[in-house]
Amino acid sequence: MATFHGPCACKKESTDPLNALPPELVGYIFKLWLLDCIYPNTKYSHSRLPVLLSLVSRSWRDFVYASPLLWAHIILEVSQGAVPTLYALQKRLERSQNAPLFLDVVIGEQPDKDALRVLLAESSRFYHLTLSVLDFSWCDDIPTQGFTQLSKLAIHTGFQIPTDVGALSAVFSSAPRLRYVKWLSTGDPGPAGVNGHQLHSLDLTVFYLPVTRLLEVLAACPNLRDLIITFQDREEWTPIPPRERILLAELRSLVLDGTGHIACILRSIQAPLLSRIDIKWWHYNGHGYCSDALQSLLAYSPHLEEIALRKLRRR
C-alpha cells in the first residue's frame, strides 16, 4: 500500500496555461485581462501591462513578445520630457506589427515633436484614438493624414479659452471608416461634419456655441443612429425662427443635457425611427415653449418607446 507523507503530498503540480491550452485561447485570455485592466479608467502605467505578463516566466515572455495584439493599446503623454525614450516607443510599435492600434494620447504644452512624428507615421493603423490636445503648435510641422482604418475618435481640448481646432480637420477628412466621434471642446465642432455623412454615433459637449451653428453640424451628419448633446453653458436662450426640420432618418437614440437651447434642437430635427429620448433640462424660463417643442418632435417619432425627462428645474 502506498504511503503519503507531509502536507504537500497531495499537492498537484501547477500547470502552465501555455502547455495546457491552444495558443489562440491563451492570447485571447491575455487580451481580455489587458482590456479589463485598461478600460474604462485609463492610466499611463497601463502601457507596461504586457511587460508585467512577460515577467512570469521565459515561456510567457516569449509568448507575449510574439503577440502583436497585446502591444496594440498605447497610452502616452507626448509632452517634452514625458515620453520615456523614442526607442521604447519605436519598439512597442514594432512589436504590434501590423495590428490595428488603440491609442489614448495626451499632447500637452511643449509637445515632443519627434515622438509625435514616430507615432503619426503609423496613422494608417489607428483604429480607436482618444486625443487630448492642449497645444496645437505641432500641427503645422507634422502631417495629420492617412487615418484609413480609424473608426472611433474622441477629441478633448482645454476649457479655458475658445480653441481653434481647425487643424484637426485633416484627421476627419482622411478617415473614410470613421463611424463614432466624441467631441469635448470649447472649439467649433465643425470638423465632426467634414465627413459627417458616414458617422453613426456623435457625442458632443459644446461650450457657448450658438445653437444655429450646432444645427449646421447636425445637418452635415444625416445618417446618425445615436446622438448625445451636452451644453456646458448656463446662458439664457433665445428661440430661433421656424426652419425646415433636419431629417435624421436613421436616428434611434437621442440624449440632450443642457439649457433651453434643447427646445431649439427638438423643433429643428425629424427622426422617424427614434425609439429612445432622454432629456435633462437645466434652469430655464418658458416652460410652455419647451413642452411644445418636445410635443412637436413626438409628432414626427411614431416608434418612440422610451422617454426620460430628468432634473427639470425652473429658474
C-alpha atoms as a PDB file:
ATOM      1  CA  MET A   1       0.000   0.000   0.000  1.00  0.00           C
ATOM      2  CA  ALA A   2       1.327   3.418  -0.956  1.00  0.00           C
ATOM      3  CA  THR A   3       2.059   5.843   1.863  1.00  0.00           C
ATOM      4  CA  PHE A   4       1.993   9.657   1.537  1.00  0.00           C
ATOM      5  CA  HIS A   5       3.924  11.870   3.899  1.00  0.00           C
ATOM      6  CA  GLY A   6       3.905  15.616   4.539  1.00  0.00           C
ATOM      7  CA  PRO A   7       1.413  18.424   3.865  1.00  0.00           C
ATOM      8  CA  CYS A   8       2.412  18.681   0.200  1.00  0.00           C
ATOM      9  CA  ALA A   9       1.888  15.039  -0.621  1.00  0.00           C
ATOM     10  CA  CYS A  10      -1.429  15.649  -2.404  1.00  0.00           C
ATOM     11  CA  LYS A  11      -0.469  18.969  -3.937  1.00  0.00           C
ATOM     12  CA  LYS A  12      -0.714  18.945  -7.717  1.00  0.00           C
ATOM     13  CA  GLU A  13       1.942  20.448  -9.875  1.00  0.00           C
ATOM     14  CA  SER A  14       0.955  23.847 -11.266  1.00  0.00           C
ATOM     15  CA  THR A  15       0.132  23.798 -14.951  1.00  0.00           C
ATOM     16  CA  ASP A  16       1.369  26.481 -17.305  1.00  0.00           C
ATOM     17  CA  PRO A  17      -1.616  27.519 -19.467  1.00  0.00           C
ATOM     18  CA  LEU A  18       0.758  27.756 -22.416  1.00  0.00           C
ATOM     19  CA  ASN A  19       1.242  23.988 -22.144  1.00  0.00           C
ATOM     20  CA  ALA A  20      -2.397  23.139 -21.476  1.00  0.00           C
ATOM     21  CA  LEU A  21      -4.338  25.427 -23.816  1.00  0.00           C
ATOM     22  CA  PRO A  22      -4.189  26.330 -27.506  1.00  0.00           C
ATOM     23  CA  PRO A  23      -2.087  29.468 -28.076  1.00  0.00           C
ATOM     24  CA  GLU A  24      -5.058  31.260 -29.644  1.00  0.00           C
ATOM     25  CA  LEU A  25      -7.076  30.768 -26.447  1.00  0.00           C
ATOM     26  CA  VAL A  26      -4.204  31.912 -24.220  1.00  0.00           C
ATOM     27  CA  GLY A  27      -3.762  35.001 -26.361  1.00  0.00           C
ATOM     28  CA  TYR A  28      -7.474  35.752 -26.060  1.00  0.00           C
ATOM     29  CA  ILE A  29      -7.363  35.337 -22.250  1.00  0.00           C
ATOM     30  CA  PHE A  30      -4.354  37.641 -22.005  1.00  0.00           C
ATOM     31  CA  LYS A  31      -6.092  40.207 -24.216  1.00  0.00           C
ATOM     32  CA  LEU A  32      -9.256  40.167 -22.068  1.00  0.00           C
ATOM     33  CA  TRP A  33      -7.158  40.655 -18.927  1.00  0.00           C
ATOM     34  CA  LEU A  34      -5.391  43.558 -20.605  1.00  0.00           C
ATOM     35  CA  LEU A  35      -8.626  45.255 -21.670  1.00  0.00           C
ATOM     36  CA  ASP A  36     -10.188  44.738 -18.246  1.00  0.00           C
ATOM     37  CA  CYS A  37      -7.195  46.472 -16.640  1.00  0.00           C
ATOM     38  CA  ILE A  38      -7.014  49.375 -19.087  1.00  0.00           C
ATOM     39  CA  TYR A  39     -10.649  50.399 -19.556  1.00  0.00           C
ATOM     40  CA  PRO A  40     -12.560  52.452 -18.655  1.00  0.00           C
ATOM     41  CA  ASN A  41     -10.076  54.189 -16.294  1.00  0.00           C
ATOM     42  CA  THR A  42      -7.022  54.532 -18.489  1.00  0.00           C
ATOM     43  CA  LYS A  43      -3.675  55.362 -16.851  1.00  0.00           C
ATOM     44  CA  TYR A  44      -0.223  55.894 -18.324  1.00  0.00           C
ATOM     45  CA  SER A  45       1.097  52.966 -16.285  1.00  0.00           C
ATOM     46  CA  HIS A  46      -1.201  50.628 -18.215  1.00  0.00           C
ATOM     47  CA  SER A  47       1.229  50.734 -21.129  1.00  0.00           C
ATOM     48  CA  ARG A  48       3.519  48.474 -19.081  1.00  0.00           C
ATOM     49  CA  LEU A  49       0.947  45.727 -18.556  1.00  0.00           C
ATOM     50  CA  PRO A  50       2.310  43.465 -21.329  1.00  0.00           C
ATOM     51  CA  VAL A  51       5.731  43.748 -19.694  1.00  0.00           C
ATOM     52  CA  LEU A  52       4.255  42.536 -16.394  1.00  0.00           C
ATOM     53  CA  LEU A  53       2.899  39.439 -18.121  1.00  0.00           C
ATOM     54  CA  SER A  54       6.296  38.740 -19.620  1.00  0.00           C
ATOM     55  CA  LEU A  55       7.912  38.650 -16.139  1.00  0.00           C
ATOM     56  CA  VAL A  56       6.099  35.444 -15.115  1.00  0.00           C
ATOM     57  CA  SER A  57       8.426  33.092 -16.955  1.00  0.00           C
ATOM     58  CA  ARG A  58      10.585  32.751 -20.029  1.00  0.00           C
ATOM     59  CA  SER A  59       7.799  30.972 -21.914  1.00  0.00           C
ATOM     60  CA  TRP A  60       5.347  33.759 -21.068  1.00  0.00           C
ATOM     61  CA  ARG A  61       7.893  36.346 -22.152  1.00  0.00           C
ATOM     62  CA  ASP A  62       8.401  34.652 -25.495  1.00  0.00           C
ATOM     63  CA  PHE A  63       4.637  34.364 -25.991  1.00  0.00           C
ATOM     64  CA  VAL A  64       3.866  37.976 -25.027  1.00  0.00           C
ATOM     65  CA  TYR A  65       6.600  39.468 -27.186  1.00  0.00           C
ATOM     66  CA  ALA A  66       5.343  37.421 -30.142  1.00  0.00           C
ATOM     67  CA  SER A  67       1.686  38.547 -29.687  1.00  0.00           C
ATOM     68  CA  PRO A  68       1.089  41.815 -31.601  1.00  0.00           C
ATOM     69  CA  LEU A  69      -2.394  42.446 -30.181  1.00  0.00           C
ATOM     70  CA  LEU A  70      -1.008  42.694 -26.645  1.00  0.00           C
ATOM     71  CA  TRP A  71       1.109  45.684 -27.709  1.00  0.00           C
ATOM     72  CA  ALA A  72      -1.582  47.460 -29.708  1.00  0.00           C
ATOM     73  CA  HIS A  73      -3.022  49.511 -26.806  1.00  0.00           C
ATOM     74  CA  ILE A  74      -0.869  52.596 -26.295  1.00  0.00           C
ATOM     75  CA  ILE A  75      -1.406  55.196 -23.554  1.00  0.00           C
ATOM     76  CA  LEU A  76       1.028  58.051 -23.927  1.00  0.00           C
ATOM     77  CA  GLU A  77       1.665  61.672 -22.971  1.00  0.00           C
ATOM     78  CA  VAL A  78       3.519  63.369 -25.804  1.00  0.00           C
ATOM     79  CA  SER A  79       4.931  66.381 -23.963  1.00  0.00           C
ATOM     80  CA  GLN A  80       8.557  67.418 -23.690  1.00  0.00           C
ATOM     81  CA  GLY A  81      10.206  65.081 -21.214  1.00  0.00           C
ATOM     82  CA  ALA A  82       7.116  62.894 -20.717  1.00  0.00           C
ATOM     83  CA  VAL A  83       7.992  60.231 -23.324  1.00  0.00           C
ATOM     84  CA  PRO A  84      10.407  57.729 -21.695  1.00  0.00           C
ATOM     85  CA  THR A  85      12.511  57.224 -24.844  1.00  0.00           C
ATOM     86  CA  LEU A  86      11.882  57.255 -28.563  1.00  0.00           C
ATOM     87  CA  TYR A  87      13.488  53.823 -28.707  1.00  0.00           C
ATOM     88  CA  ALA A  88      10.876  52.370 -26.311  1.00  0.00           C
ATOM     89  CA  LEU A  89       8.049  53.858 -28.379  1.00  0.00           C
ATOM     90  CA  GLN A  90       9.519  52.535 -31.611  1.00  0.00           C
ATOM     91  CA  LYS A  91       9.998  49.055 -30.149  1.00  0.00           C
ATOM     92  CA  ARG A  92       6.410  48.947 -28.920  1.00  0.00           C
ATOM     93  CA  LEU A  93       5.134  49.892 -32.363  1.00  0.00           C
ATOM     94  CA  GLU A  94       7.373  47.225 -33.883  1.00  0.00           C
ATOM     95  CA  ARG A  95       6.016  44.573 -31.505  1.00  0.00           C
ATOM     96  CA  SER A  96       2.458  45.448 -32.514  1.00  0.00           C
ATOM     97  CA  GLN A  97       3.486  44.587 -36.096  1.00  0.00           C
ATOM     98  CA  ASN A  98       0.509  45.293 -38.387  1.00  0.00           C
ATOM     99  CA  ALA A  99      -2.212  45.080 -35.720  1.00  0.00           C
ATOM    100  CA  PRO A 100      -4.789  47.896 -35.527  1.00  0.00           C
ATOM    101  CA  LEU A 101      -3.787  50.410 -32.842  1.00  0.00           C
ATOM    102  CA  PHE A 102      -5.882  51.654 -29.924  1.00  0.00           C
ATOM    103  CA  LEU A 103      -4.413  54.899 -28.620  1.00  0.00           C
ATOM    104  CA  ASP A 104      -5.017  57.315 -25.764  1.00  0.00           C
ATOM    105  CA  VAL A 105      -2.687  60.256 -26.411  1.00  0.00           C
ATOM    106  CA  VAL A 106      -2.267  63.494 -24.452  1.00  0.00           C
ATOM    107  CA  ILE A 107      -0.465  66.328 -26.226  1.00  0.00           C
ATOM    108  CA  GLY A 108       0.428  68.800 -23.510  1.00  0.00           C
ATOM    109  CA  GLU A 109       2.438  72.000 -23.516  1.00  0.00           C
ATOM    110  CA  GLN A 110       5.684  71.921 -25.489  1.00  0.00           C
ATOM    111  CA  PRO A 111       4.829  68.757 -27.440  1.00  0.00           C
ATOM    112  CA  ASP A 112       7.581  66.256 -28.174  1.00  0.00           C
ATOM    113  CA  LYS A 113       7.521  66.567 -31.964  1.00  0.00           C
ATOM    114  CA  ASP A 114       9.930  63.684 -32.514  1.00  0.00           C
ATOM    115  CA  ALA A 115       7.645  61.320 -30.607  1.00  0.00           C
ATOM    116  CA  LEU A 116       4.621  62.649 -32.494  1.00  0.00           C
ATOM    117  CA  ARG A 117       6.347  62.007 -35.828  1.00  0.00           C
ATOM    118  CA  VAL A 118       7.088  58.414 -34.821  1.00  0.00           C
ATOM    119  CA  LEU A 119       3.515  57.888 -33.644  1.00  0.00           C
ATOM    120  CA  LEU A 120       1.720  59.571 -36.554  1.00  0.00           C
ATOM    121  CA  ALA A 121       3.863  57.694 -39.052  1.00  0.00           C
ATOM    122  CA  GLU A 122       1.620  54.745 -38.090  1.00  0.00           C
ATOM    123  CA  SER A 123      -1.655  56.684 -38.601  1.00  0.00           C
ATOM    124  CA  SER A 124      -2.872  54.167 -41.178  1.00  0.00           C
ATOM    125  CA  ARG A 125      -3.096  51.584 -38.352  1.00  0.00           C
ATOM    126  CA  PHE A 126      -5.024  53.772 -35.887  1.00  0.00           C
ATOM    127  CA  TYR A 127      -8.366  52.102 -35.122  1.00  0.00           C
ATOM    128  CA  HIS A 128      -9.525  53.888 -31.966  1.00  0.00           C
ATOM    129  CA  LEU A 129      -7.989  57.222 -30.993  1.00  0.00           C
ATOM    130  CA  THR A 130      -8.591  59.390 -27.945  1.00  0.00           C
ATOM    131  CA  LEU A 131      -6.713  62.629 -28.466  1.00  0.00           C
ATOM    132  CA  SER A 132      -6.385  65.244 -25.727  1.00  0.00           C
ATOM    133  CA  VAL A 133      -4.740  68.383 -27.097  1.00  0.00           C
ATOM    134  CA  LEU A 134      -3.641  71.373 -25.042  1.00  0.00           C
ATOM    135  CA  ASP A 135      -1.070  72.722 -27.508  1.00  0.00           C
ATOM    136  CA  PHE A 136      -1.612  72.874 -31.288  1.00  0.00           C
ATOM    137  CA  SER A 137       1.822  74.276 -32.169  1.00  0.00           C
ATOM    138  CA  TRP A 138       2.891  70.956 -33.724  1.00  0.00           C
ATOM    139  CA  CYS A 139       0.140  70.841 -36.350  1.00  0.00           C
ATOM    140  CA  ASP A 140       1.987  72.910 -38.971  1.00  0.00           C
ATOM    141  CA  ASP A 141       5.101  70.725 -38.781  1.00  0.00           C
ATOM    142  CA  ILE A 142       3.677  67.193 -38.659  1.00  0.00           C
ATOM    143  CA  PRO A 143       1.181  65.759 -41.191  1.00  0.00           C
ATOM    144  CA  THR A 144      -2.138  64.540 -39.744  1.00  0.00           C
ATOM    145  CA  GLN A 145      -3.464  62.447 -42.607  1.00  0.00           C
ATOM    146  CA  GLY A 146      -3.920  58.866 -43.703  1.00  0.00           C
ATOM    147  CA  PHE A 147      -6.206  57.569 -40.918  1.00  0.00           C
ATOM    148  CA  THR A 148      -7.593  54.919 -43.248  1.00  0.00           C
ATOM    149  CA  GLN A 149      -8.670  52.428 -40.525  1.00  0.00           C
ATOM    150  CA  LEU A 150      -9.871  54.897 -37.890  1.00  0.00           C
ATOM    151  CA  SER A 151     -13.413  54.052 -36.775  1.00  0.00           C
ATOM    152  CA  LYS A 152     -13.670  55.793 -33.389  1.00  0.00           C
ATOM    153  CA  LEU A 153     -12.293  59.218 -32.490  1.00  0.00           C
ATOM    154  CA  ALA A 154     -12.552  61.205 -29.252  1.00  0.00           C
ATOM    155  CA  ILE A 155     -11.270  64.793 -29.148  1.00  0.00           C
ATOM    156  CA  HIS A 156     -10.664  66.680 -25.879  1.00  0.00           C
ATOM    157  CA  THR A 157      -9.165  70.172 -25.666  1.00  0.00           C
ATOM    158  CA  GLY A 158      -8.615  72.774 -22.959  1.00  0.00           C
ATOM    159  CA  PHE A 159     -11.600  74.510 -21.369  1.00  0.00           C
ATOM    160  CA  GLN A 160     -10.191  77.912 -20.502  1.00  0.00           C
ATOM    161  CA  ILE A 161     -10.431  79.801 -23.786  1.00  0.00           C
ATOM    162  CA  PRO A 162     -12.047  79.180 -27.196  1.00  0.00           C
ATOM    163  CA  THR A 163      -9.857  76.733 -29.069  1.00  0.00           C
ATOM    164  CA  ASP A 164      -9.045  76.807 -32.760  1.00  0.00           C
ATOM    165  CA  VAL A 165      -9.409  73.152 -33.674  1.00  0.00           C
ATOM    166  CA  GLY A 166      -9.468  73.652 -37.419  1.00  0.00           C
ATOM    167  CA  ALA A 167      -6.063  71.994 -37.644  1.00  0.00           C
ATOM    168  CA  LEU A 168      -7.741  68.696 -36.783  1.00  0.00           C
ATOM    169  CA  SER A 169      -9.980  68.792 -39.858  1.00  0.00           C
ATOM    170  CA  ALA A 170      -7.340  66.799 -41.758  1.00  0.00           C
ATOM    171  CA  VAL A 171      -7.832  63.890 -39.351  1.00  0.00           C
ATOM    172  CA  PHE A 172     -11.557  63.756 -40.098  1.00  0.00           C
ATOM    173  CA  SER A 173     -11.192  64.229 -43.850  1.00  0.00           C
ATOM    174  CA  SER A 174      -8.665  61.365 -44.140  1.00  0.00           C
ATOM    175  CA  ALA A 175     -10.704  58.832 -42.110  1.00  0.00           C
ATOM    176  CA  PRO A 176     -13.110  57.126 -44.555  1.00  0.00           C
ATOM    177  CA  ARG A 177     -14.165  54.489 -41.991  1.00  0.00           C
ATOM    178  CA  LEU A 178     -14.890  56.858 -39.118  1.00  0.00           C
ATOM    179  CA  ARG A 179     -18.237  55.992 -37.519  1.00  0.00           C
ATOM    180  CA  TYR A 180     -18.072  57.366 -33.960  1.00  0.00           C
ATOM    181  CA  VAL A 181     -16.991  60.814 -32.786  1.00  0.00           C
ATOM    182  CA  LYS A 182     -16.881  62.163 -29.246  1.00  0.00           C
ATOM    183  CA  TRP A 183     -16.192  65.896 -29.036  1.00  0.00           C
ATOM    184  CA  LEU A 184     -15.455  67.784 -25.817  1.00  0.00           C
ATOM    185  CA  SER A 185     -14.048  71.203 -26.605  1.00  0.00           C
ATOM    186  CA  THR A 186     -14.539  74.944 -26.424  1.00  0.00           C
ATOM    187  CA  GLY A 187     -13.792  74.980 -30.152  1.00  0.00           C
ATOM    188  CA  ASP A 188     -16.264  74.857 -33.016  1.00  0.00           C
ATOM    189  CA  PRO A 189     -17.247  71.194 -33.679  1.00  0.00           C
ATOM    190  CA  GLY A 190     -17.248  71.835 -37.421  1.00  0.00           C
ATOM    191  CA  PRO A 191     -14.537  69.192 -38.111  1.00  0.00           C
ATOM    192  CA  ALA A 192     -17.012  66.497 -36.993  1.00  0.00           C
ATOM    193  CA  GLY A 193     -19.132  67.370 -40.010  1.00  0.00           C
ATOM    194  CA  VAL A 194     -16.299  67.199 -42.562  1.00  0.00           C
ATOM    195  CA  ASN A 195     -17.293  63.611 -43.406  1.00  0.00           C
ATOM    196  CA  GLY A 196     -20.456  63.729 -41.338  1.00  0.00           C
ATOM    197  CA  HIS A 197     -22.489  61.596 -43.724  1.00  0.00           C
ATOM    198  CA  GLN A 198     -20.523  58.484 -42.656  1.00  0.00           C
ATOM    199  CA  LEU A 199     -20.991  58.949 -38.882  1.00  0.00           C
ATOM    200  CA  HIS A 200     -23.333  56.655 -36.944  1.00  0.00           C
ATOM    201  CA  SER A 201     -22.700  57.990 -33.426  1.00  0.00           C
ATOM    202  CA  LEU A 202     -21.983  61.548 -32.313  1.00  0.00           C
ATOM    203  CA  ASP A 203     -21.379  62.700 -28.735  1.00  0.00           C
ATOM    204  CA  LEU A 204     -20.968  66.492 -28.499  1.00  0.00           C
ATOM    205  CA  THR A 205     -20.150  68.548 -25.417  1.00  0.00           C
ATOM    206  CA  VAL A 206     -20.186  72.179 -26.506  1.00  0.00           C
ATOM    207  CA  PHE A 207     -19.358  75.458 -24.763  1.00  0.00           C
ATOM    208  CA  TYR A 208     -21.002  78.784 -25.627  1.00  0.00           C
ATOM    209  CA  LEU A 209     -21.827  77.612 -29.145  1.00  0.00           C
ATOM    210  CA  PRO A 210     -24.742  79.254 -30.991  1.00  0.00           C
ATOM    211  CA  VAL A 211     -27.451  76.647 -31.402  1.00  0.00           C
ATOM    212  CA  THR A 212     -27.744  77.592 -35.071  1.00  0.00           C
ATOM    213  CA  ARG A 213     -24.133  76.501 -35.577  1.00  0.00           C
ATOM    214  CA  LEU A 214     -24.833  73.227 -33.805  1.00  0.00           C
ATOM    215  CA  LEU A 215     -27.759  72.602 -36.151  1.00  0.00           C
ATOM    216  CA  GLU A 216     -25.443  73.125 -39.121  1.00  0.00           C
ATOM    217  CA  VAL A 217     -23.201  70.349 -37.794  1.00  0.00           C
ATOM    218  CA  LEU A 218     -26.198  68.031 -37.352  1.00  0.00           C
ATOM    219  CA  ALA A 219     -27.349  68.757 -40.903  1.00  0.00           C
ATOM    220  CA  ALA A 220     -23.960  67.515 -42.116  1.00  0.00           C
ATOM    221  CA  CYS A 221     -24.498  64.196 -40.270  1.00  0.00           C
ATOM    222  CA  PRO A 222     -27.764  62.823 -41.721  1.00  0.00           C
ATOM    223  CA  ASN A 223     -27.072  59.113 -41.020  1.00  0.00           C
ATOM    224  CA  LEU A 224     -26.650  59.261 -37.251  1.00  0.00           C
ATOM    225  CA  ARG A 225     -28.110  56.422 -35.192  1.00  0.00           C
ATOM    226  CA  ASP A 226     -27.121  57.715 -31.751  1.00  0.00           C
ATOM    227  CA  LEU A 227     -26.807  61.368 -30.765  1.00  0.00           C
ATOM    228  CA  ILE A 228     -25.740  62.883 -27.441  1.00  0.00           C
ATOM    229  CA  ILE A 229     -25.539  66.668 -26.970  1.00  0.00           C
ATOM    230  CA  THR A 230     -24.438  68.364 -23.750  1.00  0.00           C
ATOM    231  CA  PHE A 231     -24.497  72.144 -23.352  1.00  0.00           C
ATOM    232  CA  GLN A 232     -21.902  73.255 -20.814  1.00  0.00           C
ATOM    233  CA  ASP A 233     -23.105  76.859 -20.532  1.00  0.00           C
ATOM    234  CA  ARG A 234     -25.816  78.323 -18.368  1.00  0.00           C
ATOM    235  CA  GLU A 235     -26.664  81.254 -20.635  1.00  0.00           C
ATOM    236  CA  GLU A 236     -30.161  82.486 -21.373  1.00  0.00           C
ATOM    237  CA  TRP A 237     -31.614  81.001 -24.514  1.00  0.00           C
ATOM    238  CA  THR A 238     -33.372  82.771 -27.350  1.00  0.00           C
ATOM    239  CA  PRO A 239     -35.890  80.926 -29.533  1.00  0.00           C
ATOM    240  CA  ILE A 240     -34.789  80.728 -33.168  1.00  0.00           C
ATOM    241  CA  PRO A 241     -37.123  81.447 -36.094  1.00  0.00           C
ATOM    242  CA  PRO A 242     -39.006  78.454 -37.539  1.00  0.00           C
ATOM    243  CA  ARG A 243     -36.930  76.476 -40.023  1.00  0.00           C
ATOM    244  CA  GLU A 244     -37.193  73.312 -42.063  1.00  0.00           C
ATOM    245  CA  ARG A 245     -36.571  70.257 -39.918  1.00  0.00           C
ATOM    246  CA  ILE A 246     -33.326  68.328 -40.367  1.00  0.00           C
ATOM    247  CA  LEU A 247     -34.131  64.747 -41.344  1.00  0.00           C
ATOM    248  CA  LEU A 248     -32.159  62.219 -39.288  1.00  0.00           C
ATOM    249  CA  ALA A 249     -33.683  59.164 -40.918  1.00  0.00           C
ATOM    250  CA  GLU A 250     -31.621  56.547 -39.021  1.00  0.00           C
ATOM    251  CA  LEU A 251     -31.629  58.112 -35.541  1.00  0.00           C
ATOM    252  CA  ARG A 252     -32.695  55.684 -32.796  1.00  0.00           C
ATOM    253  CA  SER A 253     -31.426  57.293 -29.586  1.00  0.00           C
ATOM    254  CA  LEU A 254     -31.309  60.973 -28.587  1.00  0.00           C
ATOM    255  CA  VAL A 255     -29.813  62.286 -25.319  1.00  0.00           C
ATOM    256  CA  LEU A 256     -29.916  66.025 -24.563  1.00  0.00           C
ATOM    257  CA  ASP A 257     -28.467  67.722 -21.495  1.00  0.00           C
ATOM    258  CA  GLY A 258     -28.485  71.488 -21.069  1.00  0.00           C
ATOM    259  CA  THR A 259     -30.480  74.679 -21.031  1.00  0.00           C
ATOM    260  CA  GLY A 260     -33.467  75.871 -23.030  1.00  0.00           C
ATOM    261  CA  HIS A 261     -31.359  75.524 -26.172  1.00  0.00           C
ATOM    262  CA  ILE A 262     -32.640  71.965 -26.156  1.00  0.00           C
ATOM    263  CA  ALA A 263     -36.026  73.250 -27.291  1.00  0.00           C
ATOM    264  CA  CYS A 264     -34.443  74.659 -30.442  1.00  0.00           C
ATOM    265  CA  ILE A 265     -32.991  71.234 -31.262  1.00  0.00           C
ATOM    266  CA  LEU A 266     -36.318  69.467 -30.665  1.00  0.00           C
ATOM    267  CA  ARG A 267     -38.044  71.901 -33.015  1.00  0.00           C
ATOM    268  CA  SER A 268     -35.393  71.524 -35.692  1.00  0.00           C
ATOM    269  CA  ILE A 269     -34.996  67.779 -36.217  1.00  0.00           C
ATOM    270  CA  GLN A 270     -37.139  64.970 -37.549  1.00  0.00           C
ATOM    271  CA  ALA A 271     -36.369  61.360 -36.560  1.00  0.00           C
ATOM    272  CA  PRO A 272     -38.998  58.874 -37.785  1.00  0.00           C
ATOM    273  CA  LEU A 273     -37.192  55.823 -36.310  1.00  0.00           C
ATOM    274  CA  LEU A 274     -36.445  57.383 -32.913  1.00  0.00           C
ATOM    275  CA  SER A 275     -37.181  54.882 -30.132  1.00  0.00           C
ATOM    276  CA  ARG A 276     -35.486  56.487 -27.118  1.00  0.00           C
ATOM    277  CA  ILE A 277     -35.157  60.054 -25.873  1.00  0.00           C
ATOM    278  CA  ASP A 278     -33.506  61.187 -22.626  1.00  0.00           C
ATOM    279  CA  ILE A 279     -33.633  64.879 -21.652  1.00  0.00           C
ATOM    280  CA  LYS A 280     -32.044  66.672 -18.725  1.00  0.00           C
ATOM    281  CA  TRP A 281     -33.281  70.257 -18.811  1.00  0.00           C
ATOM    282  CA  TRP A 282     -31.377  72.720 -16.615  1.00  0.00           C
ATOM    283  CA  HIS A 283     -32.620  76.099 -15.387  1.00  0.00           C
ATOM    284  CA  TYR A 284     -34.827  77.708 -17.987  1.00  0.00           C
ATOM    285  CA  ASN A 285     -37.744  80.048 -18.486  1.00  0.00           C
ATOM    286  CA  GLY A 286     -40.510  79.493 -20.995  1.00  0.00           C
ATOM    287  CA  HIS A 287     -41.701  76.084 -19.813  1.00  0.00           C
ATOM    288  CA  GLY A 288     -44.585  76.140 -22.276  1.00  0.00           C
ATOM    289  CA  TYR A 289     -42.267  76.678 -25.232  1.00  0.00           C
ATOM    290  CA  CYS A 290     -40.106  73.723 -24.167  1.00  0.00           C
ATOM    291  CA  SER A 291     -43.108  71.426 -23.742  1.00  0.00           C
ATOM    292  CA  ASP A 292     -44.431  72.435 -27.143  1.00  0.00           C
ATOM    293  CA  ALA A 293     -41.016  71.726 -28.674  1.00  0.00           C
ATOM    294  CA  LEU A 294     -40.988  68.212 -27.219  1.00  0.00           C
ATOM    295  CA  GLN A 295     -44.525  67.529 -28.437  1.00  0.00           C
ATOM    296  CA  SER A 296     -43.596  68.744 -31.897  1.00  0.00           C
ATOM    297  CA  LEU A 297     -40.780  66.168 -32.081  1.00  0.00           C
ATOM    298  CA  LEU A 298     -43.043  63.385 -30.806  1.00  0.00           C
ATOM    299  CA  ALA A 299     -45.390  64.048 -33.702  1.00  0.00           C
ATOM    300  CA  TYR A 300     -42.562  63.027 -36.051  1.00  0.00           C
ATOM    301  CA  SER A 301     -41.490  59.977 -33.999  1.00  0.00           C
ATOM    302  CA  PRO A 302     -44.148  57.226 -34.241  1.00  0.00           C
ATOM    303  CA  HIS A 303     -41.790  54.468 -32.988  1.00  0.00           C
ATOM    304  CA  LEU A 304     -40.809  56.144 -29.713  1.00  0.00           C
ATOM    305  CA  GLU A 305     -40.821  53.616 -26.851  1.00  0.00           C
ATOM    306  CA  GLU A 306     -38.822  55.244 -24.049  1.00  0.00           C
ATOM    307  CA  ILE A 307     -38.924  58.835 -22.763  1.00  0.00           C
ATOM    308  CA  ALA A 308     -36.944  60.096 -19.762  1.00  0.00           C
ATOM    309  CA  LEU A 309     -37.273  63.706 -18.530  1.00  0.00           C
ATOM    310  CA  ARG A 310     -34.823  64.367 -15.692  1.00  0.00           C
ATOM    311  CA  LYS A 311     -33.995  67.181 -13.275  1.00  0.00           C
ATOM    312  CA  LEU A 312     -36.398  69.688 -14.744  1.00  0.00           C
ATOM    313  CA  ARG A 313     -35.898  72.972 -12.908  1.00  0.00           C
ATOM    314  CA  ARG A 314     -37.380  76.380 -13.485  1.00  0.00           C
ATOM    315  CA  ARG A 315     -35.412  79.499 -12.673  1.00  0.00           C
END
